[in-house]
């Protein structure tokens, strides 16, 4: 994409998300499919490094998580692209 023939820079967070999906040989891997009930780690955004359980996955790839915040289960929606396996 460009403006007036000048390429637009790619935001660093987009570059980081792509790099996170690369294997040791730097080849891009397909985005992993998550399952309801699975525990995941949030990789970016305001809940980075939180571990949560997937409650529901909407068709638009919005994932509803249940996470423990101050001793209470809290429901939060995040894009699937912000999630990683709990141990990965």
PDB file of N, CA and C in Angstrom:
ATOM      1  N   UNK A   1       0.847  -1.168   0.000  1.00  0.00           N
ATOM      2  CA  UNK A   1       0.000   0.000   0.000  1.00  0.00           C
ATOM      3  C   UNK A   1       0.900   1.241   0.000  1.00  0.00           C
ATOM      4  N   UNK A   2       0.474   2.263  -0.688  1.00  0.00           N
ATOM      5  CA  UNK A   2       1.287   3.478  -0.739  1.00  0.00           C
ATOM      6  C   UNK A   2       0.398   4.703  -0.882  1.00  0.00           C
ATOM      7  N   UNK A   3       1.006   5.842  -0.576  1.00  0.00           N
ATOM      8  CA  UNK A   3       0.357   7.136  -0.771  1.00  0.00           C
ATOM      9  C   UNK A   3       1.237   7.935  -1.709  1.00  0.00           C
ATOM     10  N   UNK A   4       0.690   8.332  -2.858  1.00  0.00           N
ATOM     11  CA  UNK A   4       1.465   9.127  -3.800  1.00  0.00           C
ATOM     12  C   UNK A   4       2.722   8.438  -4.270  1.00  0.00           C
ATOM     13  N   UNK A   5       2.687   7.096  -4.374  1.00  0.00           N
ATOM     14  CA  UNK A   5       3.851   6.350  -4.837  1.00  0.00           C
ATOM     15  C   UNK A   5       4.883   6.074  -3.762  1.00  0.00           C
ATOM     16  N   UNK A   6       4.640   6.537  -2.552  1.00  0.00           N
ATOM     17  CA  UNK A   6       5.578   6.297  -1.450  1.00  0.00           C
ATOM     18  C   UNK A   6       5.019   5.166  -0.591  1.00  0.00           C
ATOM     19  N   UNK A   7       5.775   4.067  -0.418  1.00  0.00           N
ATOM     20  CA  UNK A   7       5.277   2.948   0.393  1.00  0.00           C
ATOM     21  C   UNK A   7       4.999   3.367   1.834  1.00  0.00           C
ATOM     22  N   UNK A   8       3.919   2.808   2.371  1.00  0.00           N
ATOM     23  CA  UNK A   8       3.588   3.046   3.782  1.00  0.00           C
ATOM     24  C   UNK A   8       4.355   2.061   4.645  1.00  0.00           C
ATOM     25  N   UNK A   9       4.866   2.500   5.787  1.00  0.00           N
ATOM     26  CA  UNK A   9       5.547   1.553   6.680  1.00  0.00           C
ATOM     27  C   UNK A   9       4.537   0.589   7.303  1.00  0.00           C
ATOM     28  N   UNK A  10       4.986  -0.623   7.550  1.00  0.00           N
ATOM     29  CA  UNK A  10       4.151  -1.625   8.208  1.00  0.00           C
ATOM     30  C   UNK A  10       4.314  -1.433   9.710  1.00  0.00           C
ATOM     31  N   UNK A  11       3.204  -1.341  10.460  1.00  0.00           N
ATOM     32  CA  UNK A  11       3.309  -1.153  11.911  1.00  0.00           C
ATOM     33  C   UNK A  11       4.113  -2.272  12.566  1.00  0.00           C
ATOM     34  N   UNK A  12       4.911  -1.932  13.554  1.00  0.00           N
ATOM     35  CA  UNK A  12       5.780  -2.914  14.212  1.00  0.00           C
ATOM     36  C   UNK A  12       4.988  -4.042  14.853  1.00  0.00           C
ATOM     37  N   UNK A  13       3.762  -3.762  15.324  1.00  0.00           N
ATOM     38  CA  UNK A  13       2.974  -4.838  15.933  1.00  0.00           C
ATOM     39  C   UNK A  13       2.554  -5.876  14.897  1.00  0.00           C
ATOM     40  N   UNK A  14       2.337  -5.463  13.650  1.00  0.00           N
ATOM     41  CA  UNK A  14       2.004  -6.414  12.590  1.00  0.00           C
ATOM     42  C   UNK A  14       3.222  -7.287  12.290  1.00  0.00           C
ATOM     43  N   UNK A  15       4.379  -6.669  12.219  1.00  0.00           N
ATOM     44  CA  UNK A  15       5.624  -7.412  11.990  1.00  0.00           C
ATOM     45  C   UNK A  15       5.833  -8.423  13.115  1.00  0.00           C
ATOM     46  N   UNK A  16       5.602  -8.022  14.367  1.00  0.00           N
ATOM     47  CA  UNK A  16       5.788  -8.914  15.519  1.00  0.00           C
ATOM     48  C   UNK A  16       4.816 -10.083  15.462  1.00  0.00           C
ATOM     49  N   UNK A  17       3.570  -9.843  15.068  1.00  0.00           N
ATOM     50  CA  UNK A  17       2.590 -10.925  14.968  1.00  0.00           C
ATOM     51  C   UNK A  17       2.993 -11.929  13.890  1.00  0.00           C
ATOM     52  N   UNK A  18       3.515 -11.447  12.783  1.00  0.00           N
ATOM     53  CA  UNK A  18       3.977 -12.346  11.728  1.00  0.00           C
ATOM     54  C   UNK A  18       5.189 -13.132  12.209  1.00  0.00           C
ATOM     55  N   UNK A  19       6.125 -12.470  12.853  1.00  0.00           N
ATOM     56  CA  UNK A  19       7.332 -13.143  13.352  1.00  0.00           C
ATOM     57  C   UNK A  19       6.983 -14.216  14.380  1.00  0.00           C
ATOM     58  N   UNK A  20       5.974 -13.981  15.201  1.00  0.00           N
ATOM     59  CA  UNK A  20       5.546 -14.968  16.198  1.00  0.00           C
ATOM     60  C   UNK A  20       5.036 -16.247  15.555  1.00  0.00           C
ATOM     61  N   UNK A  21       4.576 -16.169  14.321  1.00  0.00           N
ATOM     62  CA  UNK A  21       4.035 -17.339  13.624  1.00  0.00           C
ATOM     63  C   UNK A  21       5.081 -18.046  12.768  1.00  0.00           C
ATOM     64  N   UNK A  22       6.349 -17.631  12.890  1.00  0.00           N
ATOM     65  CA  UNK A  22       7.409 -18.264  12.118  1.00  0.00           C
ATOM     66  C   UNK A  22       8.104 -19.338  12.941  1.00  0.00           C
ATOM     67  N   UNK A  23       8.544 -20.409  12.239  1.00  0.00           N
ATOM     68  CA  UNK A  23       9.258 -21.481  12.924  1.00  0.00           C
ATOM     69  C   UNK A  23      10.747 -21.134  13.001  1.00  0.00           C
ATOM     70  N   UNK A  24      11.561 -22.093  13.472  1.00  0.00           N
ATOM     71  CA  UNK A  24      12.994 -21.852  13.655  1.00  0.00           C
ATOM     72  C   UNK A  24      13.702 -21.541  12.337  1.00  0.00           C
ATOM     73  N   UNK A  25      13.143 -21.996  11.213  1.00  0.00           N
ATOM     74  CA  UNK A  25      13.731 -21.714   9.903  1.00  0.00           C
ATOM     75  C   UNK A  25      13.165 -20.438   9.288  1.00  0.00           C
ATOM     76  N   UNK A  26      12.389 -19.682  10.084  1.00  0.00           N
ATOM     77  CA  UNK A  26      11.791 -18.410   9.667  1.00  0.00           C
ATOM     78  C   UNK A  26      10.726 -18.565   8.589  1.00  0.00           C
ATOM     79  N   UNK A  27      10.081 -19.742   8.560  1.00  0.00           N
ATOM     80  CA  UNK A  27       8.981 -19.980   7.628  1.00  0.00           C
ATOM     81  C   UNK A  27       7.664 -19.730   8.336  1.00  0.00           C
ATOM     82  N   UNK A  28       6.794 -18.976   7.700  1.00  0.00           N
ATOM     83  CA  UNK A  28       5.497 -18.640   8.279  1.00  0.00           C
ATOM     84  C   UNK A  28       4.640 -19.888   8.404  1.00  0.00           C
ATOM     85  N   UNK A  29       4.094 -20.111   9.588  1.00  0.00           N
ATOM     86  CA  UNK A  29       3.232 -21.261   9.857  1.00  0.00           C
ATOM     87  C   UNK A  29       1.768 -20.826   9.838  1.00  0.00           C
ATOM     88  N   UNK A  30       0.902 -21.745   9.508  1.00  0.00           N
ATOM     89  CA  UNK A  30      -0.536 -21.446   9.499  1.00  0.00           C
ATOM     90  C   UNK A  30      -0.980 -21.066  10.902  1.00  0.00           C
ATOM     91  N   UNK A  31      -1.958 -20.167  10.972  1.00  0.00           N
ATOM     92  CA  UNK A  31      -2.471 -19.753  12.275  1.00  0.00           C
ATOM     93  C   UNK A  31      -3.144 -20.946  12.943  1.00  0.00           C
ATOM     94  N   UNK A  32      -2.811 -21.174  14.177  1.00  0.00           N
ATOM     95  CA  UNK A  32      -3.319 -22.319  14.931  1.00  0.00           C
ATOM     96  C   UNK A  32      -4.789 -22.135  15.257  1.00  0.00           C
ATOM     97  N   UNK A  33      -5.536 -23.225  15.181  1.00  0.00           N
ATOM     98  CA  UNK A  33      -6.946 -23.208  15.563  1.00  0.00           C
ATOM     99  C   UNK A  33      -7.043 -23.553  17.042  1.00  0.00           C
ATOM    100  N   UNK A  34      -7.762 -22.755  17.796  1.00  0.00           N
ATOM    101  CA  UNK A  34      -7.956 -23.015  19.214  1.00  0.00           C
ATOM    102  C   UNK A  34      -9.305 -23.681  19.430  1.00  0.00           C
ATOM    103  N   UNK A  35      -9.456 -24.336  20.573  1.00  0.00           N
ATOM    104  CA  UNK A  35     -10.676 -25.061  20.899  1.00  0.00           C
ATOM    105  C   UNK A  35     -11.314 -24.492  22.157  1.00  0.00           C
ATOM    106  N   UNK A  36     -12.631 -24.530  22.217  1.00  0.00           N
ATOM    107  CA  UNK A  36     -13.324 -24.110  23.437  1.00  0.00           C
ATOM    108  C   UNK A  36     -12.867 -24.989  24.590  1.00  0.00           C
ATOM    109  N   UNK A  37     -12.633 -24.368  25.745  1.00  0.00           N
ATOM    110  CA  UNK A  37     -12.156 -25.075  26.924  1.00  0.00           C
ATOM    111  C   UNK A  37     -10.644 -25.096  27.060  1.00  0.00           C
ATOM    112  N   UNK A  38      -9.928 -24.751  25.995  1.00  0.00           N
ATOM    113  CA  UNK A  38      -8.467 -24.752  26.006  1.00  0.00           C
ATOM    114  C   UNK A  38      -7.929 -23.549  26.783  1.00  0.00           C
ATOM    115  N   UNK A  39      -6.808 -23.755  27.493  1.00  0.00           N
ATOM    116  CA  UNK A  39      -6.140 -22.640  28.158  1.00  0.00           C
ATOM    117  C   UNK A  39      -5.125 -22.036  27.205  1.00  0.00           C
ATOM    118  N   UNK A  40      -5.116 -20.705  27.139  1.00  0.00           N
ATOM    119  CA  UNK A  40      -4.242 -19.974  26.225  1.00  0.00           C
ATOM    120  C   UNK A  40      -3.573 -18.813  26.968  1.00  0.00           C
ATOM    121  N   UNK A  41      -2.553 -18.275  26.333  1.00  0.00           N
ATOM    122  CA  UNK A  41      -1.863 -17.082  26.851  1.00  0.00           C
ATOM    123  C   UNK A  41      -2.131 -15.943  25.888  1.00  0.00           C
ATOM    124  N   UNK A  42      -2.452 -14.772  26.420  1.00  0.00           N
ATOM    125  CA  UNK A  42      -2.676 -13.589  25.584  1.00  0.00           C
ATOM    126  C   UNK A  42      -1.303 -13.011  25.234  1.00  0.00           C
ATOM    127  N   UNK A  43      -1.044 -12.837  23.933  1.00  0.00           N
ATOM    128  CA  UNK A  43       0.279 -12.438  23.457  1.00  0.00           C
ATOM    129  C   UNK A  43       0.447 -10.939  23.268  1.00  0.00           C
ATOM    130  N   UNK A  44      -0.653 -10.199  23.187  1.00  0.00           N
ATOM    131  CA  UNK A  44      -0.532  -8.755  22.987  1.00  0.00           C
ATOM    132  C   UNK A  44      -1.794  -8.077  23.484  1.00  0.00           C
ATOM    133  N   UNK A  45      -1.753  -6.760  23.507  1.00  0.00           N
ATOM    134  CA  UNK A  45      -2.912  -6.007  23.970  1.00  0.00           C
ATOM    135  C   UNK A  45      -2.875  -5.774  25.475  1.00  0.00           C
ATOM    136  N   UNK A  46      -3.954  -5.257  26.022  1.00  0.00           N
ATOM    137  CA  UNK A  46      -3.961  -4.882  27.441  1.00  0.00           C
ATOM    138  C   UNK A  46      -3.872  -6.071  28.402  1.00  0.00           C
ATOM    139  N   UNK A  47      -4.128  -7.294  27.913  1.00  0.00           N
ATOM    140  CA  UNK A  47      -4.081  -8.467  28.787  1.00  0.00           C
ATOM    141  C   UNK A  47      -2.872  -9.353  28.502  1.00  0.00           C
ATOM    142  N   UNK A  48      -1.817  -8.774  27.935  1.00  0.00           N
ATOM    143  CA  UNK A  48      -0.624  -9.532  27.574  1.00  0.00           C
ATOM    144  C   UNK A  48      -0.134 -10.364  28.758  1.00  0.00           C
ATOM    145  N   UNK A  49       0.215 -11.613  28.479  1.00  0.00           N
ATOM    146  CA  UNK A  49       0.732 -12.607  29.425  1.00  0.00           C
ATOM    147  C   UNK A  49      -0.305 -13.174  30.386  1.00  0.00           C
ATOM    148  N   UNK A  50      -1.568 -12.759  30.273  1.00  0.00           N
ATOM    149  CA  UNK A  50      -2.612 -13.394  31.071  1.00  0.00           C
ATOM    150  C   UNK A  50      -2.872 -14.784  30.496  1.00  0.00           C
ATOM    151  N   UNK A  51      -3.120 -15.741  31.388  1.00  0.00           N
ATOM    152  CA  UNK A  51      -3.548 -17.074  30.981  1.00  0.00           C
ATOM    153  C   UNK A  51      -5.044 -17.142  31.224  1.00  0.00           C
ATOM    154  N   UNK A  52      -5.778 -17.673  30.239  1.00  0.00           N
ATOM    155  CA  UNK A  52      -7.239 -17.712  30.334  1.00  0.00           C
ATOM    156  C   UNK A  52      -7.763 -18.967  29.660  1.00  0.00           C
ATOM    157  N   UNK A  53      -9.016 -19.280  29.929  1.00  0.00           N
ATOM    158  CA  UNK A  53      -9.675 -20.423  29.302  1.00  0.00           C
ATOM    159  C   UNK A  53     -10.636 -19.908  28.229  1.00  0.00           C
ATOM    160  N   UNK A  54     -10.613 -20.549  27.066  1.00  0.00           N
ATOM    161  CA  UNK A  54     -11.514 -20.160  25.982  1.00  0.00           C
ATOM    162  C   UNK A  54     -12.928 -20.611  26.331  1.00  0.00           C
ATOM    163  N   UNK A  55     -13.835 -19.650  26.382  1.00  0.00           N
ATOM    164  CA  UNK A  55     -15.239 -19.954  26.651  1.00  0.00           C
ATOM    165  C   UNK A  55     -16.001 -20.210  25.352  1.00  0.00           C
ATOM    166  N   UNK A  56     -15.744 -19.350  24.340  1.00  0.00           N
ATOM    167  CA  UNK A  56     -16.489 -19.437  23.087  1.00  0.00           C
ATOM    168  C   UNK A  56     -15.668 -18.787  21.973  1.00  0.00           C
ATOM    169  N   UNK A  57     -15.828 -19.309  20.757  1.00  0.00           N
ATOM    170  CA  UNK A  57     -15.164 -18.736  19.583  1.00  0.00           C
ATOM    171  C   UNK A  57     -16.257 -18.348  18.594  1.00  0.00           C
ATOM    172  N   UNK A  58     -16.331 -17.067  18.283  1.00  0.00           N
ATOM    173  CA  UNK A  58     -17.327 -16.567  17.338  1.00  0.00           C
ATOM    174  C   UNK A  58     -16.851 -16.800  15.903  1.00  0.00           C
ATOM    175  N   UNK A  59     -17.770 -16.847  14.941  1.00  0.00           N
ATOM    176  CA  UNK A  59     -17.391 -17.050  13.536  1.00  0.00           C
ATOM    177  C   UNK A  59     -16.438 -15.983  12.997  1.00  0.00           C
ATOM    178  N   UNK A  60     -16.475 -14.767  13.556  1.00  0.00           N
ATOM    179  CA  UNK A  60     -15.591 -13.697  13.078  1.00  0.00           C
ATOM    180  C   UNK A  60     -14.206 -13.756  13.711  1.00  0.00           C
ATOM    181  N   UNK A  61     -13.881 -14.885  14.380  1.00  0.00           N
ATOM    182  CA  UNK A  61     -12.594 -15.124  15.039  1.00  0.00           C
ATOM    183  C   UNK A  61     -12.391 -14.293  16.303  1.00  0.00           C
ATOM    184  N   UNK A  62     -13.481 -13.746  16.839  1.00  0.00           N
ATOM    185  CA  UNK A  62     -13.390 -13.120  18.160  1.00  0.00           C
ATOM    186  C   UNK A  62     -13.495 -14.271  19.161  1.00  0.00           C
ATOM    187  N   UNK A  63     -12.582 -14.286  20.124  1.00  0.00           N
ATOM    188  CA  UNK A  63     -12.538 -15.365  21.102  1.00  0.00           C
ATOM    189  C   UNK A  63     -12.917 -14.803  22.464  1.00  0.00           C
ATOM    190  N   UNK A  64     -13.890 -15.435  23.094  1.00  0.00           N
ATOM    191  CA  UNK A  64     -14.329 -15.027  24.432  1.00  0.00           C
ATOM    192  C   UNK A  64     -13.570 -15.862  25.455  1.00  0.00           C
ATOM    193  N   UNK A  65     -12.856 -15.171  26.332  1.00  0.00           N
ATOM    194  CA  UNK A  65     -12.033 -15.821  27.346  1.00  0.00           C
ATOM    195  C   UNK A  65     -12.624 -15.611  28.725  1.00  0.00           C
ATOM    196  N   UNK A  66     -12.369 -16.562  29.609  1.00  0.00           N
ATOM    197  CA  UNK A  66     -12.638 -16.381  31.030  1.00  0.00           C
ATOM    198  C   UNK A  66     -11.284 -16.295  31.706  1.00  0.00           C
ATOM    199  N   UNK A  67     -11.018 -15.167  32.333  1.00  0.00           N
ATOM    200  CA  UNK A  67      -9.742 -15.017  33.032  1.00  0.00           C
ATOM    201  C   UNK A  67      -9.986 -14.594  34.468  1.00  0.00           C
ATOM    202  N   UNK A  68      -9.078 -15.011  35.321  1.00  0.00           N
ATOM    203  CA  UNK A  68      -9.180 -14.705  36.739  1.00  0.00           C
ATOM    204  C   UNK A  68      -8.573 -13.325  36.976  1.00  0.00           C
ATOM    205  N   UNK A  69      -9.418 -12.400  37.421  1.00  0.00           N
ATOM    206  CA  UNK A  69      -8.955 -11.046  37.747  1.00  0.00           C
ATOM    207  C   UNK A  69      -9.401 -10.731  39.161  1.00  0.00           C
ATOM    208  N   UNK A  70      -8.433 -10.619  40.035  1.00  0.00           N
ATOM    209  CA  UNK A  70      -8.701 -10.265  41.430  1.00  0.00           C
ATOM    210  C   UNK A  70      -9.687 -11.250  42.063  1.00  0.00           C
ATOM    211  N   UNK A  71      -9.505 -12.546  41.757  1.00  0.00           N
ATOM    212  CA  UNK A  71     -10.305 -13.579  42.374  1.00  0.00           C
ATOM    213  C   UNK A  71     -11.663 -13.822  41.753  1.00  0.00           C
ATOM    214  N   UNK A  72     -11.984 -13.158  40.674  1.00  0.00           N
ATOM    215  CA  UNK A  72     -13.281 -13.346  40.025  1.00  0.00           C
ATOM    216  C   UNK A  72     -13.072 -13.689  38.553  1.00  0.00           C
ATOM    217  N   UNK A  73     -13.908 -14.575  38.013  1.00  0.00           N
ATOM    218  CA  UNK A  73     -13.853 -14.905  36.593  1.00  0.00           C
ATOM    219  C   UNK A  73     -14.437 -13.740  35.800  1.00  0.00           C
ATOM    220  N   UNK A  74     -13.653 -13.247  34.855  1.00  0.00           N
ATOM    221  CA  UNK A  74     -14.065 -12.114  34.039  1.00  0.00           C
ATOM    222  C   UNK A  74     -14.068 -12.531  32.581  1.00  0.00           C
ATOM    223  N   UNK A  75     -15.124 -12.201  31.858  1.00  0.00           N
ATOM    224  CA  UNK A  75     -15.248 -12.531  30.436  1.00  0.00           C
ATOM    225  C   UNK A  75     -14.667 -11.380  29.616  1.00  0.00           C
ATOM    226  N   UNK A  76     -13.776 -11.737  28.674  1.00  0.00           N
ATOM    227  CA  UNK A  76     -13.096 -10.757  27.837  1.00  0.00           C
ATOM    228  C   UNK A  76     -13.073 -11.291  26.406  1.00  0.00           C
ATOM    229  N   UNK A  77     -13.290 -10.431  25.422  1.00  0.00           N
ATOM    230  CA  UNK A  77     -13.205 -10.816  24.010  1.00  0.00           C
ATOM    231  C   UNK A  77     -11.908 -10.281  23.417  1.00  0.00           C
ATOM    232  N   UNK A  78     -11.199 -11.145  22.705  1.00  0.00           N
ATOM    233  CA  UNK A  78      -9.958 -10.751  22.032  1.00  0.00           C
ATOM    234  C   UNK A  78      -9.928 -11.394  20.647  1.00  0.00           C
ATOM    235  N   UNK A  79      -9.187 -10.807  19.705  1.00  0.00           N
ATOM    236  CA  UNK A  79      -9.018 -11.453  18.404  1.00  0.00           C
ATOM    237  C   UNK A  79      -8.174 -12.731  18.561  1.00  0.00           C
ATOM    238  N   UNK A  80      -8.469 -13.751  17.786  1.00  0.00           N
ATOM    239  CA  UNK A  80      -7.706 -15.006  17.845  1.00  0.00           C
ATOM    240  C   UNK A  80      -6.226 -14.767  17.572  1.00  0.00           C
ATOM    241  N   UNK A  81      -5.897 -13.766  16.784  1.00  0.00           N
ATOM    242  CA  UNK A  81      -4.498 -13.478  16.448  1.00  0.00           C
ATOM    243  C   UNK A  81      -3.684 -13.055  17.661  1.00  0.00           C
ATOM    244  N   UNK A  82      -4.340 -12.658  18.754  1.00  0.00           N
ATOM    245  CA  UNK A  82      -3.616 -12.244  19.966  1.00  0.00           C
ATOM    246  C   UNK A  82      -3.360 -13.395  20.921  1.00  0.00           C
ATOM    247  N   UNK A  83      -3.738 -14.617  20.553  1.00  0.00           N
ATOM    248  CA  UNK A  83      -3.601 -15.754  21.461  1.00  0.00           C
ATOM    249  C   UNK A  83      -2.469 -16.674  21.043  1.00  0.00           C
ATOM    250  N   UNK A  84      -1.871 -17.312  22.042  1.00  0.00           N
ATOM    251  CA  UNK A  84      -0.839 -18.317  21.832  1.00  0.00           C
ATOM    252  C   UNK A  84      -1.163 -19.498  22.735  1.00  0.00           C
ATOM    253  N   UNK A  85      -0.652 -20.686  22.434  1.00  0.00           N
ATOM    254  CA  UNK A  85      -0.845 -21.807  23.342  1.00  0.00           C
ATOM    255  C   UNK A  85      -0.281 -21.464  24.725  1.00  0.00           C
ATOM    256  N   UNK A  86      -0.888 -21.973  25.752  1.00  0.00           N
ATOM    257  CA  UNK A  86      -0.479 -21.647  27.125  1.00  0.00           C
ATOM    258  C   UNK A  86       1.004 -21.933  27.340  1.00  0.00           C
ATOM    259  N   UNK A  87       1.472 -23.023  26.821  1.00  0.00           N
ATOM    260  CA  UNK A  87       2.866 -23.423  27.048  1.00  0.00           C
ATOM    261  C   UNK A  87       3.764 -23.144  25.854  1.00  0.00           C
ATOM    262  N   UNK A  88       3.295 -22.306  24.938  1.00  0.00           N
ATOM    263  CA  UNK A  88       4.076 -22.099  23.722  1.00  0.00           C
ATOM    264  C   UNK A  88       4.615 -20.743  23.540  1.00  0.00           C
TER     265      UNK A  88
END
